[in-house]
Amino acid sequence: MGKFIYDGTLKVDFDDRALAHLQVVIMSKLRRGESFHFTWKDDAAIGDGRTSIWLHPRCTLVFKFYRGQRAPLNLAWVDALAAVANSPSGLYIVPEPAEAEQESVAW
């Protein structure tokens, strides 16, 4: 499990594979100067609700991965995440497309 750390205070656990895909999408949008919100479902241990944050080019983000090696990226999943990030609903995790092994690239 990797950690997504927002402004040094909010720390959230995500699977390394999902976190790698989120990193590509989030950093691509921020590099273009785009602000957006990111929402996820909270763990049952902290209430089973959901959290939503506003991401902008000046926010401090840390992507801390459990494993030292990079996970291969599924370009179809990156595209799906980017599509929701560009929608009015903002970024949230969508299921990884099944054809991952055919469209994976090393990251």
PDB file of N, CA and C in Angstrom:
ATOM      1  N   MET A   1       0.828  -1.188   0.000  1.00  0.00           N
ATOM      2  CA  MET A   1       0.000   0.000   0.000  1.00  0.00           C
ATOM      3  C   MET A   1       0.870   1.249   0.000  1.00  0.00           C
ATOM      4  N   GLY A   2       0.611   2.108  -0.962  1.00  0.00           N
ATOM      5  CA  GLY A   2       1.305   3.372  -1.021  1.00  0.00           C
ATOM      6  C   GLY A   2       0.510   4.440  -0.295  1.00  0.00           C
ATOM      7  N   LYS A   3       1.101   5.592  -0.141  1.00  0.00           N
ATOM      8  CA  LYS A   3       0.431   6.709   0.537  1.00  0.00           C
ATOM      9  C   LYS A   3       0.362   7.918  -0.386  1.00  0.00           C
ATOM     10  N   PHE A   4      -0.793   8.552  -0.375  1.00  0.00           N
ATOM     11  CA  PHE A   4      -1.002   9.829  -1.035  1.00  0.00           C
ATOM     12  C   PHE A   4      -1.074  10.843   0.096  1.00  0.00           C
ATOM     13  N   ILE A   5      -0.181  11.828   0.075  1.00  0.00           N
ATOM     14  CA  ILE A   5      -0.120  12.807   1.152  1.00  0.00           C
ATOM     15  C   ILE A   5      -0.413  14.183   0.555  1.00  0.00           C
ATOM     16  N   TYR A   6      -1.415  14.837   1.108  1.00  0.00           N
ATOM     17  CA  TYR A   6      -1.883  16.132   0.607  1.00  0.00           C
ATOM     18  C   TYR A   6      -1.560  17.216   1.625  1.00  0.00           C
ATOM     19  N   ASP A   7      -0.829  18.220   1.211  1.00  0.00           N
ATOM     20  CA  ASP A   7      -0.448  19.354   2.048  1.00  0.00           C
ATOM     21  C   ASP A   7       0.155  18.948   3.391  1.00  0.00           C
ATOM     22  N   GLY A   8       0.796  17.805   3.439  1.00  0.00           N
ATOM     23  CA  GLY A   8       1.501  17.356   4.627  1.00  0.00           C
ATOM     24  C   GLY A   8       0.634  16.894   5.780  1.00  0.00           C
ATOM     25  N   THR A   9      -0.678  16.997   5.650  1.00  0.00           N
ATOM     26  CA  THR A   9      -1.548  16.640   6.765  1.00  0.00           C
ATOM     27  C   THR A   9      -2.462  15.457   6.484  1.00  0.00           C
ATOM     28  N   LEU A  10      -3.007  15.385   5.306  1.00  0.00           N
ATOM     29  CA  LEU A  10      -3.929  14.303   4.956  1.00  0.00           C
ATOM     30  C   LEU A  10      -3.140  13.168   4.322  1.00  0.00           C
ATOM     31  N   LYS A  11      -3.204  11.979   4.919  1.00  0.00           N
ATOM     32  CA  LYS A  11      -2.488  10.812   4.407  1.00  0.00           C
ATOM     33  C   LYS A  11      -3.482   9.694   4.155  1.00  0.00           C
ATOM     34  N   VAL A  12      -3.478   9.195   2.915  1.00  0.00           N
ATOM     35  CA  VAL A  12      -4.436   8.181   2.504  1.00  0.00           C
ATOM     36  C   VAL A  12      -3.696   7.016   1.864  1.00  0.00           C
ATOM     37  N   ASP A  13      -4.092   5.801   2.210  1.00  0.00           N
ATOM     38  CA  ASP A  13      -3.491   4.603   1.621  1.00  0.00           C
ATOM     39  C   ASP A  13      -4.192   4.221   0.325  1.00  0.00           C
ATOM     40  N   PHE A  14      -3.381   3.944  -0.696  1.00  0.00           N
ATOM     41  CA  PHE A  14      -3.866   3.422  -1.969  1.00  0.00           C
ATOM     42  C   PHE A  14      -2.950   2.286  -2.382  1.00  0.00           C
ATOM     43  N   ASP A  15      -3.476   1.324  -3.094  1.00  0.00           N
ATOM     44  CA  ASP A  15      -2.664   0.275  -3.684  1.00  0.00           C
ATOM     45  C   ASP A  15      -1.606   0.926  -4.571  1.00  0.00           C
ATOM     46  N   ASP A  16      -0.368   0.407  -4.544  1.00  0.00           N
ATOM     47  CA  ASP A  16       0.715   0.989  -5.348  1.00  0.00           C
ATOM     48  C   ASP A  16       0.335   1.122  -6.817  1.00  0.00           C
ATOM     49  N   ARG A  17      -0.328   0.121  -7.356  1.00  0.00           N
ATOM     50  CA  ARG A  17      -0.690   0.148  -8.782  1.00  0.00           C
ATOM     51  C   ARG A  17      -1.667   1.290  -9.069  1.00  0.00           C
ATOM     52  N   ALA A  18      -2.682   1.418  -8.243  1.00  0.00           N
ATOM     53  CA  ALA A  18      -3.649   2.504  -8.425  1.00  0.00           C
ATOM     54  C   ALA A  18      -2.966   3.853  -8.225  1.00  0.00           C
ATOM     55  N   LEU A  19      -2.098   3.941  -7.212  1.00  0.00           N
ATOM     56  CA  LEU A  19      -1.405   5.191  -6.931  1.00  0.00           C
ATOM     57  C   LEU A  19      -0.528   5.629  -8.098  1.00  0.00           C
ATOM     58  N   ALA A  20       0.117   4.683  -8.768  1.00  0.00           N
ATOM     59  CA  ALA A  20       0.957   5.008  -9.926  1.00  0.00           C
ATOM     60  C   ALA A  20       0.115   5.623 -11.051  1.00  0.00           C
ATOM     61  N   HIS A  21      -1.064   5.077 -11.264  1.00  0.00           N
ATOM     62  CA  HIS A  21      -1.945   5.608 -12.301  1.00  0.00           C
ATOM     63  C   HIS A  21      -2.500   6.976 -11.902  1.00  0.00           C
ATOM     64  N   LEU A  22      -2.859   7.125 -10.639  1.00  0.00           N
ATOM     65  CA  LEU A  22      -3.335   8.414 -10.151  1.00  0.00           C
ATOM     66  C   LEU A  22      -2.248   9.481 -10.292  1.00  0.00           C
ATOM     67  N   GLN A  23      -1.013   9.103  -9.996  1.00  0.00           N
ATOM     68  CA  GLN A  23       0.100  10.050 -10.086  1.00  0.00           C
ATOM     69  C   GLN A  23       0.237  10.598 -11.503  1.00  0.00           C
ATOM     70  N   VAL A  24       0.155   9.743 -12.491  1.00  0.00           N
ATOM     71  CA  VAL A  24       0.289  10.188 -13.885  1.00  0.00           C
ATOM     72  C   VAL A  24      -0.817  11.177 -14.233  1.00  0.00           C
ATOM     73  N   VAL A  25      -2.046  10.857 -13.878  1.00  0.00           N
ATOM     74  CA  VAL A  25      -3.178  11.720 -14.219  1.00  0.00           C
ATOM     75  C   VAL A  25      -3.114  13.044 -13.449  1.00  0.00           C
ATOM     76  N   ILE A  26      -2.880  12.964 -12.143  1.00  0.00           N
ATOM     77  CA  ILE A  26      -2.836  14.173 -11.318  1.00  0.00           C
ATOM     78  C   ILE A  26      -1.710  15.100 -11.762  1.00  0.00           C
ATOM     79  N   MET A  27      -0.523  14.543 -11.936  1.00  0.00           N
ATOM     80  CA  MET A  27       0.609  15.393 -12.301  1.00  0.00           C
ATOM     81  C   MET A  27       0.455  15.971 -13.710  1.00  0.00           C
ATOM     82  N   SER A  28      -0.179  15.244 -14.617  1.00  0.00           N
ATOM     83  CA  SER A  28      -0.424  15.775 -15.968  1.00  0.00           C
ATOM     84  C   SER A  28      -1.331  16.996 -15.909  1.00  0.00           C
ATOM     85  N   LYS A  29      -2.392  16.911 -15.110  1.00  0.00           N
ATOM     86  CA  LYS A  29      -3.308  18.048 -14.995  1.00  0.00           C
ATOM     87  C   LYS A  29      -2.640  19.236 -14.306  1.00  0.00           C
ATOM     88  N   LEU A  30      -1.907  18.973 -13.240  1.00  0.00           N
ATOM     89  CA  LEU A  30      -1.262  20.068 -12.513  1.00  0.00           C
ATOM     90  C   LEU A  30      -0.161  20.721 -13.344  1.00  0.00           C
ATOM     91  N   ARG A  31       0.551  19.936 -14.133  1.00  0.00           N
ATOM     92  CA  ARG A  31       1.600  20.475 -15.008  1.00  0.00           C
ATOM     93  C   ARG A  31       0.997  21.454 -16.029  1.00  0.00           C
ATOM     94  N   ARG A  32      -0.252  21.204 -16.421  1.00  0.00           N
ATOM     95  CA  ARG A  32      -0.938  22.103 -17.362  1.00  0.00           C
ATOM     96  C   ARG A  32      -1.610  23.284 -16.648  1.00  0.00           C
ATOM     97  N   GLY A  33      -1.451  23.354 -15.321  1.00  0.00           N
ATOM     98  CA  GLY A  33      -2.031  24.452 -14.556  1.00  0.00           C
ATOM     99  C   GLY A  33      -3.507  24.281 -14.262  1.00  0.00           C
ATOM    100  N   GLU A  34      -4.021  23.071 -14.368  1.00  0.00           N
ATOM    101  CA  GLU A  34      -5.442  22.810 -14.155  1.00  0.00           C
ATOM    102  C   GLU A  34      -5.723  22.434 -12.699  1.00  0.00           C
ATOM    103  N   SER A  35      -6.763  23.022 -12.133  1.00  0.00           N
ATOM    104  CA  SER A  35      -7.239  22.665 -10.801  1.00  0.00           C
ATOM    105  C   SER A  35      -8.452  21.753 -10.952  1.00  0.00           C
ATOM    106  N   PHE A  36      -8.665  20.883  -9.976  1.00  0.00           N
ATOM    107  CA  PHE A  36      -9.779  19.930 -10.026  1.00  0.00           C
ATOM    108  C   PHE A  36      -9.933  19.299  -8.654  1.00  0.00           C
ATOM    109  N   HIS A  37     -11.043  18.575  -8.467  1.00  0.00           N
ATOM    110  CA  HIS A  37     -11.180  17.885  -7.197  1.00  0.00           C
ATOM    111  C   HIS A  37     -10.999  16.384  -7.383  1.00  0.00           C
ATOM    112  N   PHE A  38     -10.558  15.754  -6.307  1.00  0.00           N
ATOM    113  CA  PHE A  38     -10.262  14.323  -6.269  1.00  0.00           C
ATOM    114  C   PHE A  38     -11.043  13.740  -5.091  1.00  0.00           C
ATOM    115  N   THR A  39     -11.839  12.725  -5.365  1.00  0.00           N
ATOM    116  CA  THR A  39     -12.696  12.106  -4.360  1.00  0.00           C
ATOM    117  C   THR A  39     -12.399  10.619  -4.268  1.00  0.00           C
ATOM    118  N   TRP A  40     -12.422  10.084  -3.050  1.00  0.00           N
ATOM    119  CA  TRP A  40     -12.252   8.647  -2.847  1.00  0.00           C
ATOM    120  C   TRP A  40     -13.131   8.188  -1.700  1.00  0.00           C
ATOM    121  N   LYS A  41     -13.373   6.888  -1.668  1.00  0.00           N
ATOM    122  CA  LYS A  41     -14.139   6.261  -0.595  1.00  0.00           C
ATOM    123  C   LYS A  41     -13.193   6.002   0.565  1.00  0.00           C
ATOM    124  N   ASP A  42     -13.599   6.402   1.762  1.00  0.00           N
ATOM    125  CA  ASP A  42     -12.775   6.194   2.950  1.00  0.00           C
ATOM    126  C   ASP A  42     -12.832   4.747   3.416  1.00  0.00           C
ATOM    127  N   ASP A  43     -11.814   4.350   4.107  1.00  0.00           N
ATOM    128  CA  ASP A  43     -11.755   3.030   4.711  1.00  0.00           C
ATOM    129  C   ASP A  43     -12.821   2.919   5.798  1.00  0.00           C
ATOM    130  N   ALA A  44     -13.351   1.720   5.980  1.00  0.00           N
ATOM    131  CA  ALA A  44     -14.376   1.488   7.002  1.00  0.00           C
ATOM    132  C   ALA A  44     -13.877   1.847   8.399  1.00  0.00           C
ATOM    133  N   ALA A  45     -12.569   1.734   8.617  1.00  0.00           N
ATOM    134  CA  ALA A  45     -11.993   2.039   9.937  1.00  0.00           C
ATOM    135  C   ALA A  45     -12.155   3.505  10.325  1.00  0.00           C
ATOM    136  N   ILE A  46     -12.360   4.383   9.340  1.00  0.00           N
ATOM    137  CA  ILE A  46     -12.522   5.806   9.666  1.00  0.00           C
ATOM    138  C   ILE A  46     -13.915   6.319   9.304  1.00  0.00           C
ATOM    139  N   GLY A  47     -14.870   5.412   9.196  1.00  0.00           N
ATOM    140  CA  GLY A  47     -16.244   5.845   9.010  1.00  0.00           C
ATOM    141  C   GLY A  47     -16.922   5.425   7.723  1.00  0.00           C
ATOM    142  N   ASP A  48     -16.174   4.865   6.771  1.00  0.00           N
ATOM    143  CA  ASP A  48     -16.761   4.343   5.528  1.00  0.00           C
ATOM    144  C   ASP A  48     -17.453   5.417   4.686  1.00  0.00           C
ATOM    145  N   GLY A  49     -17.048   6.669   4.858  1.00  0.00           N
ATOM    146  CA  GLY A  49     -17.628   7.748   4.064  1.00  0.00           C
ATOM    147  C   GLY A  49     -16.800   8.015   2.828  1.00  0.00           C
ATOM    148  N   ARG A  50     -16.689   9.274   2.457  1.00  0.00           N
ATOM    149  CA  ARG A  50     -15.842   9.641   1.340  1.00  0.00           C
ATOM    150  C   ARG A  50     -15.190  10.979   1.636  1.00  0.00           C
ATOM    151  N   THR A  51     -14.077  11.220   0.973  1.00  0.00           N
ATOM    152  CA  THR A  51     -13.330  12.465   1.131  1.00  0.00           C
ATOM    153  C   THR A  51     -13.128  13.069  -0.252  1.00  0.00           C
ATOM    154  N   SER A  52     -13.208  14.388  -0.319  1.00  0.00           N
ATOM    155  CA  SER A  52     -12.966  15.105  -1.566  1.00  0.00           C
ATOM    156  C   SER A  52     -12.040  16.276  -1.263  1.00  0.00           C
ATOM    157  N   ILE A  53     -10.995  16.443  -2.079  1.00  0.00           N
ATOM    158  CA  ILE A  53     -10.048  17.536  -1.898  1.00  0.00           C
ATOM    159  C   ILE A  53      -9.931  18.324  -3.200  1.00  0.00           C
ATOM    160  N   TRP A  54      -9.524  19.575  -3.083  1.00  0.00           N
ATOM    161  CA  TRP A  54      -9.295  20.435  -4.238  1.00  0.00           C
ATOM    162  C   TRP A  54      -7.801  20.415  -4.538  1.00  0.00           C
ATOM    163  N   LEU A  55      -7.440  19.984  -5.730  1.00  0.00           N
ATOM    164  CA  LEU A  55      -6.041  19.957  -6.156  1.00  0.00           C
ATOM    165  C   LEU A  55      -5.784  21.134  -7.082  1.00  0.00           C
ATOM    166  N   HIS A  56      -4.666  21.799  -6.857  1.00  0.00           N
ATOM    167  CA  HIS A  56      -4.295  22.952  -7.664  1.00  0.00           C
ATOM    168  C   HIS A  56      -2.769  22.951  -7.813  1.00  0.00           C
ATOM    169  N   PRO A  57      -2.242  23.669  -8.792  1.00  0.00           N
ATOM    170  CA  PRO A  57      -0.800  23.622  -9.067  1.00  0.00           C
ATOM    171  C   PRO A  57       0.100  24.002  -7.898  1.00  0.00           C
ATOM    172  N   ARG A  58      -0.387  24.709  -6.905  1.00  0.00           N
ATOM    173  CA  ARG A  58       0.463  25.131  -5.787  1.00  0.00           C
ATOM    174  C   ARG A  58       0.331  24.220  -4.558  1.00  0.00           C
ATOM    175  N   CYS A  59      -0.490  23.182  -4.620  1.00  0.00           N
ATOM    176  CA  CYS A  59      -0.638  22.307  -3.453  1.00  0.00           C
ATOM    177  C   CYS A  59       0.581  21.374  -3.348  1.00  0.00           C
ATOM    178  N   THR A  60       0.831  20.941  -2.137  1.00  0.00           N
ATOM    179  CA  THR A  60       1.953  20.040  -1.884  1.00  0.00           C
ATOM    180  C   THR A  60       1.442  18.611  -1.883  1.00  0.00           C
ATOM    181  N   LEU A  61       1.993  17.782  -2.767  1.00  0.00           N
ATOM    182  CA  LEU A  61       1.588  16.380  -2.869  1.00  0.00           C
ATOM    183  C   LEU A  61       2.808  15.481  -2.727  1.00  0.00           C
ATOM    184  N   VAL A  62       2.599  14.345  -2.093  1.00  0.00           N
ATOM    185  CA  VAL A  62       3.626  13.311  -2.008  1.00  0.00           C
ATOM    186  C   VAL A  62       2.977  12.000  -2.402  1.00  0.00           C
ATOM    187  N   PHE A  63       3.625  11.259  -3.276  1.00  0.00           N
ATOM    188  CA  PHE A  63       3.206   9.917  -3.658  1.00  0.00           C
ATOM    189  C   PHE A  63       4.261   8.973  -3.104  1.00  0.00           C
ATOM    190  N   LYS A  64       3.958   8.270  -2.046  1.00  0.00           N
ATOM    191  CA  LYS A  64       4.912   7.381  -1.378  1.00  0.00           C
ATOM    192  C   LYS A  64       4.522   5.938  -1.679  1.00  0.00           C
ATOM    193  N   PHE A  65       5.389   5.244  -2.414  1.00  0.00           N
ATOM    194  CA  PHE A  65       5.108   3.877  -2.832  1.00  0.00           C
ATOM    195  C   PHE A  65       5.756   2.875  -1.889  1.00  0.00           C
ATOM    196  N   TYR A  66       5.059   1.795  -1.618  1.00  0.00           N
ATOM    197  CA  TYR A  66       5.564   0.738  -0.752  1.00  0.00           C
ATOM    198  C   TYR A  66       6.714  -0.007  -1.427  1.00  0.00           C
ATOM    199  N   ARG A  67       6.524  -0.337  -2.704  1.00  0.00           N
ATOM    200  CA  ARG A  67       7.552  -1.067  -3.455  1.00  0.00           C
ATOM    201  C   ARG A  67       8.497  -0.106  -4.154  1.00  0.00           C
ATOM    202  N   GLY A  68       9.757  -0.531  -4.271  1.00  0.00           N
ATOM    203  CA  GLY A  68      10.761   0.294  -4.922  1.00  0.00           C
ATOM    204  C   GLY A  68      10.651   0.302  -6.434  1.00  0.00           C
ATOM    205  N   GLN A  69      10.137  -0.764  -7.013  1.00  0.00           N
ATOM    206  CA  GLN A  69      10.042  -0.823  -8.472  1.00  0.00           C
ATOM    207  C   GLN A  69       8.731  -0.218  -8.942  1.00  0.00           C
ATOM    208  N   ARG A  70       8.757   0.353 -10.124  1.00  0.00           N
ATOM    209  CA  ARG A  70       7.570   0.989 -10.691  1.00  0.00           C
ATOM    210  C   ARG A  70       6.623  -0.052 -11.260  1.00  0.00           C
ATOM    211  N   ALA A  71       5.350   0.161 -11.034  1.00  0.00           N
ATOM    212  CA  ALA A  71       4.319  -0.719 -11.584  1.00  0.00           C
ATOM    213  C   ALA A  71       4.132  -0.394 -13.069  1.00  0.00           C
ATOM    214  N   PRO A  72       3.906  -1.408 -13.903  1.00  0.00           N
ATOM    215  CA  PRO A  72       3.614  -1.112 -15.313  1.00  0.00           C
ATOM    216  C   PRO A  72       2.277  -0.374 -15.419  1.00  0.00           C
ATOM    217  N   LEU A  73       2.206   0.573 -16.332  1.00  0.00           N
ATOM    218  CA  LEU A  73       0.989   1.354 -16.492  1.00  0.00           C
ATOM    219  C   LEU A  73       0.098   0.771 -17.576  1.00  0.00           C
ATOM    220  N   ASN A  74      -1.188   0.776 -17.301  1.00  0.00           N
ATOM    221  CA  ASN A  74      -2.206   0.386 -18.260  1.00  0.00           C
ATOM    222  C   ASN A  74      -2.722   1.692 -18.872  1.00  0.00           C
ATOM    223  N   LEU A  75      -2.376   1.935 -20.136  1.00  0.00           N
ATOM    224  CA  LEU A  75      -2.753   3.194 -20.783  1.00  0.00           C
ATOM    225  C   LEU A  75      -4.263   3.384 -20.862  1.00  0.00           C
ATOM    226  N   ALA A  76      -5.011   2.289 -20.967  1.00  0.00           N
ATOM    227  CA  ALA A  76      -6.472   2.393 -20.988  1.00  0.00           C
ATOM    228  C   ALA A  76      -6.992   2.901 -19.642  1.00  0.00           C
ATOM    229  N   TRP A  77      -6.345   2.490 -18.549  1.00  0.00           N
ATOM    230  CA  TRP A  77      -6.755   2.963 -17.229  1.00  0.00           C
ATOM    231  C   TRP A  77      -6.381   4.432 -17.045  1.00  0.00           C
ATOM    232  N   VAL A  78      -5.195   4.819 -17.511  1.00  0.00           N
ATOM    233  CA  VAL A  78      -4.793   6.231 -17.454  1.00  0.00           C
ATOM    234  C   VAL A  78      -5.811   7.074 -18.215  1.00  0.00           C
ATOM    235  N   ASP A  79      -6.200   6.630 -19.405  1.00  0.00           N
ATOM    236  CA  ASP A  79      -7.186   7.365 -20.204  1.00  0.00           C
ATOM    237  C   ASP A  79      -8.534   7.461 -19.489  1.00  0.00           C
ATOM    238  N   ALA A  80      -8.970   6.370 -18.863  1.00  0.00           N
ATOM    239  CA  ALA A  80     -10.250   6.364 -18.152  1.00  0.00           C
ATOM    240  C   ALA A  80     -10.217   7.310 -16.949  1.00  0.00           C
ATOM    241  N   LEU A  81      -9.114   7.290 -16.212  1.00  0.00           N
ATOM    242  CA  LEU A  81      -8.974   8.196 -15.072  1.00  0.00           C
ATOM    243  C   LEU A  81      -8.905   9.649 -15.528  1.00  0.00           C
ATOM    244  N   ALA A  82      -8.188   9.902 -16.619  1.00  0.00           N
ATOM    245  CA  ALA A  82      -8.091  11.259 -17.155  1.00  0.00           C
ATOM    246  C   ALA A  82      -9.456  11.767 -17.610  1.00  0.00           C
ATOM    247  N   ALA A  83     -10.261  10.879 -18.186  1.00  0.00           N
ATOM    248  CA  ALA A  83     -11.594  11.278 -18.645  1.00  0.00           C
ATOM    249  C   ALA A  83     -12.470  11.728 -17.480  1.00  0.00           C
ATOM    250  N   VAL A  84     -12.450  10.989 -16.371  1.00  0.00           N
ATOM    251  CA  VAL A  84     -13.277  11.412 -15.228  1.00  0.00           C
ATOM    252  C   VAL A  84     -12.676  12.654 -14.566  1.00  0.00           C
ATOM    253  N   ALA A  85     -11.354  12.776 -14.567  1.00  0.00           N
ATOM    254  CA  ALA A  85     -10.718  13.959 -13.984  1.00  0.00           C
ATOM    255  C   ALA A  85     -11.111  15.216 -14.748  1.00  0.00           C
ATOM    256  N   ASN A  86     -11.362  15.076 -16.040  1.00  0.00           N
ATOM    257  CA  ASN A  86     -11.742  16.211 -16.882  1.00  0.00           C
ATOM    258  C   ASN A  86     -13.251  16.466 -16.890  1.00  0.00           C
ATOM    259  N   SER A  87     -14.007  15.654 -16.169  1.00  0.00           N
ATOM    260  CA  SER A  87     -15.456  15.812 -16.120  1.00  0.00           C
ATOM    261  C   SER A  87     -15.862  16.691 -14.934  1.00  0.00           C
ATOM    262  N   PRO A  88     -17.103  17.150 -14.908  1.00  0.00           N
ATOM    263  CA  PRO A  88     -17.563  17.956 -13.765  1.00  0.00           C
ATOM    264  C   PRO A  88     -17.485  17.211 -12.425  1.00  0.00           C
ATOM    265  N   SER A  89     -17.512  15.885 -12.440  1.00  0.00           N
ATOM    266  CA  SER A  89     -17.449  15.117 -11.190  1.00  0.00           C
ATOM    267  C   SER A  89     -16.041  15.068 -10.611  1.00  0.00           C
ATOM    268  N   GLY A  90     -15.026  15.392 -11.404  1.00  0.00           N
ATOM    269  CA  GLY A  90     -13.644  15.362 -10.925  1.00  0.00           C
ATOM    270  C   GLY A  90     -13.088  13.953 -10.901  1.00  0.00           C
ATOM    271  N   LEU A  91     -11.876  13.832 -10.398  1.00  0.00           N
ATOM    272  CA  LEU A  91     -11.163  12.553 -10.390  1.00  0.00           C
ATOM    273  C   LEU A  91     -11.669  11.635  -9.282  1.00  0.00           C
ATOM    274  N   TYR A  92     -11.901  10.407  -9.633  1.00  0.00           N
ATOM    275  CA  TYR A  92     -12.183   9.333  -8.691  1.00  0.00           C
ATOM    276  C   TYR A  92     -11.694   8.048  -9.341  1.00  0.00           C
ATOM    277  N   ILE A  93     -11.483   7.029  -8.539  1.00  0.00           N
ATOM    278  CA  ILE A  93     -10.924   5.787  -9.076  1.00  0.00           C
ATOM    279  C   ILE A  93     -12.016   4.982  -9.772  1.00  0.00           C
ATOM    280  N   VAL A  94     -11.764   4.688 -11.037  1.00  0.00           N
ATOM    281  CA  VAL A  94     -12.640   3.819 -11.816  1.00  0.00           C
ATOM    282  C   VAL A  94     -11.963   2.459 -11.933  1.00  0.00           C
ATOM    283  N   PRO A  95     -12.723   1.395 -12.177  1.00  0.00           N
ATOM    284  CA  PRO A  95     -12.109   0.067 -12.289  1.00  0.00           C
ATOM    285  C   PRO A  95     -11.102   0.002 -13.434  1.00  0.00           C
ATOM    286  N   GLU A  96     -10.045  -0.777 -13.225  1.00  0.00           N
ATOM    287  CA  GLU A  96      -9.043  -0.954 -14.267  1.00  0.00           C
ATOM    288  C   GLU A  96      -9.619  -1.803 -15.394  1.00  0.00           C
ATOM    289  N   PRO A  97      -9.473  -1.359 -16.639  1.00  0.00           N
ATOM    290  CA  PRO A  97      -9.930  -2.162 -17.774  1.00  0.00           C
ATOM    291  C   PRO A  97      -9.227  -3.520 -17.817  1.00  0.00           C
ATOM    292  N   ALA A  98      -9.940  -4.561 -18.241  1.00  0.00           N
ATOM    293  CA  ALA A  98      -9.429  -5.932 -18.238  1.00  0.00           C
ATOM    294  C   ALA A  98      -8.261  -6.147 -19.192  1.00  0.00           C
ATOM    295  N   GLU A  99      -8.160  -5.391 -20.261  1.00  0.00           N
ATOM    296  CA  GLU A  99      -7.107  -5.608 -21.258  1.00  0.00           C
ATOM    297  C   GLU A  99      -5.768  -5.016 -20.859  1.00  0.00           C
ATOM    298  N   ALA A 100      -5.485  -4.922 -19.580  1.00  0.00           N
ATOM    299  CA  ALA A 100      -4.262  -4.296 -19.068  1.00  0.00           C
ATOM    300  C   ALA A 100      -2.992  -4.875 -19.662  1.00  0.00           C
ATOM    301  N   GLU A 101      -2.908  -6.208 -19.789  1.00  0.00           N
ATOM    302  CA  GLU A 101      -1.668  -6.814 -20.264  1.00  0.00           C
ATOM    303  C   GLU A 101      -1.349  -6.474 -21.717  1.00  0.00           C
ATOM    304  N   GLN A 102      -2.338  -6.104 -22.505  1.00  0.00           N
ATOM    305  CA  GLN A 102      -2.077  -5.773 -23.899  1.00  0.00           C
ATOM    306  C   GLN A 102      -1.627  -4.326 -24.074  1.00  0.00           C
ATOM    307  N   GLU A 103      -1.981  -3.436 -23.155  1.00  0.00           N
ATOM    308  CA  GLU A 103      -1.680  -2.038 -23.335  1.00  0.00           C
ATOM    309  C   GLU A 103      -0.765  -1.484 -22.250  1.00  0.00           C
ATOM    310  N   SER A 104      -0.061  -2.325 -21.550  1.00  0.00           N
ATOM    311  CA  SER A 104       0.799  -1.858 -20.473  1.00  0.00           C
ATOM    312  C   SER A 104       2.094  -1.282 -21.001  1.00  0.00           C
ATOM    313  N   VAL A 105       2.602  -0.289 -20.302  1.00  0.00           N
ATOM    314  CA  VAL A 105       3.914   0.264 -20.607  1.00  0.00           C
ATOM    315  C   VAL A 105       4.672   0.398 -19.301  1.00  0.00           C
ATOM    316  N   ALA A 106       5.972   0.301 -19.371  1.00  0.00           N
ATOM    317  CA  ALA A 106       6.776   0.470 -18.164  1.00  0.00           C
ATOM    318  C   ALA A 106       6.804   1.941 -17.793  1.00  0.00           C
ATOM    319  N   TRP A 107       6.731   2.224 -16.551  1.00  0.00           N
ATOM    320  CA  TRP A 107       6.756   3.600 -16.071  1.00  0.00           C
ATOM    321  C   TRP A 107       7.961   3.833 -15.229  1.00  0.00           C
TER     322      TRP A 107
END
